[in-house]
Amino acid sequence: MNIVISEVSSNIMAKICSHNNRNRKVTFVDAFHNICISKKDILSSQLEACERLLKCSIDEADKKAIEKEISELKMTLDLMY
């Protein structure tokens, strides 16, 4: 039997979506198609995914878009409490 440990601890992955350099946005993909998760869990998973994406990004425009998304997610999570 083979046991594989995945590096991805979260169900949601973040990706950069852009048609040009000005309109870069972060989008989220549900990796395992979970449909029964709370809003807080979704936002927390999106935040984790953005932080992982930020570590991997090289382009400054991508980093700015990711940092903006992180700040918006943190603000939203703070407002939920």
Protein backbone atom coordinates (compact mmCIF):
# COMPACT_ATOMS: atom_id res chain seq x y z
CA MET A 1 0.00 0.00 0.00
CA ASN A 2 1.26 3.46 -0.90
CA ILE A 3 0.46 6.39 1.34
CA VAL A 4 0.84 9.81 -0.20
CA ILE A 5 0.82 13.04 1.78
CA SER A 6 -0.30 16.01 -0.22
CA GLU A 7 1.41 19.40 0.14
CA VAL A 8 -1.97 21.09 -0.21
CA SER A 9 -3.66 21.21 3.18
CA SER A 10 -6.61 23.28 2.00
CA ASN A 11 -9.49 22.50 -0.31
CA ILE A 12 -9.24 25.79 -2.20
CA MET A 13 -6.48 26.87 -4.57
CA ALA A 14 -5.81 30.45 -5.67
CA LYS A 15 -4.88 31.42 -9.22
CA ILE A 16 -4.19 34.67 -11.04
CA CYS A 17 -6.71 35.44 -13.77
CA SER A 18 -5.93 38.25 -16.18
CA HIS A 19 -6.65 39.36 -19.70
CA ASN A 20 -4.15 42.18 -19.56
CA ASN A 21 -1.70 43.64 -17.07
CA ARG A 22 -4.18 46.10 -15.54
CA ASN A 23 -7.06 43.79 -14.65
CA ARG A 24 -5.35 41.01 -12.73
CA LYS A 25 -7.57 39.28 -10.21
CA VAL A 26 -7.26 36.36 -7.87
CA THR A 27 -9.76 33.55 -8.49
CA PHE A 28 -10.44 30.51 -6.32
CA VAL A 29 -10.90 26.89 -7.32
CA ASP A 30 -12.43 24.26 -5.05
CA ALA A 31 -10.02 21.33 -5.39
CA PHE A 32 -12.30 18.60 -4.03
CA HIS A 33 -15.79 19.94 -4.83
CA ASN A 34 -16.84 20.27 -1.19
CA ILE A 35 -20.26 21.82 -1.03
CA CYS A 36 -20.90 21.85 2.72
CA ILE A 37 -18.47 24.37 4.15
CA SER A 38 -19.21 27.53 6.09
CA LYS A 39 -18.51 31.04 4.86
CA LYS A 40 -15.81 31.43 7.50
CA ASP A 41 -14.12 28.22 6.34
CA ILE A 42 -14.30 29.34 2.72
CA LEU A 43 -12.73 32.73 3.52
CA SER A 44 -10.05 31.10 5.69
CA SER A 45 -9.22 28.63 2.92
CA GLN A 46 -9.08 31.44 0.37
CA LEU A 47 -6.71 33.36 2.64
CA GLU A 48 -4.43 30.34 3.01
CA ALA A 49 -4.46 29.79 -0.75
CA CYS A 50 -3.54 33.42 -1.40
CA GLU A 51 -0.67 33.25 1.07
CA ARG A 52 0.67 30.13 -0.68
CA LEU A 53 0.28 31.80 -4.07
CA LEU A 54 2.09 34.91 -2.83
CA LYS A 55 5.11 32.81 -1.84
CA CYS A 56 5.31 31.37 -5.38
CA SER A 57 4.68 34.52 -7.39
CA ILE A 58 7.50 36.35 -9.10
CA ASP A 59 5.74 39.12 -11.05
CA GLU A 60 5.23 42.37 -9.09
CA ALA A 61 1.79 42.98 -10.63
CA ASP A 62 0.70 39.51 -9.50
CA LYS A 63 2.05 40.16 -6.00
CA LYS A 64 0.10 43.42 -5.75
CA ALA A 65 -3.13 41.72 -6.82
CA ILE A 66 -2.58 38.91 -4.32
CA GLU A 67 -1.71 41.30 -1.49
CA LYS A 68 -4.87 43.30 -2.23
CA GLU A 69 -6.95 40.13 -2.11
CA ILE A 70 -5.30 39.08 1.17
CA SER A 71 -6.09 42.41 2.79
CA GLU A 72 -9.72 42.23 1.61
CA LEU A 73 -10.09 38.67 2.92
CA LYS A 74 -8.59 39.61 6.29
CA MET A 75 -10.93 42.58 6.58
CA THR A 76 -13.92 40.42 5.73
CA LEU A 77 -12.93 37.79 8.28
CA ASP A 78 -12.48 40.48 10.93
CA LEU A 79 -15.96 41.83 10.20
CA MET A 80 -17.47 38.38 10.66
CA TYR A 81 -16.47 38.25 14.33
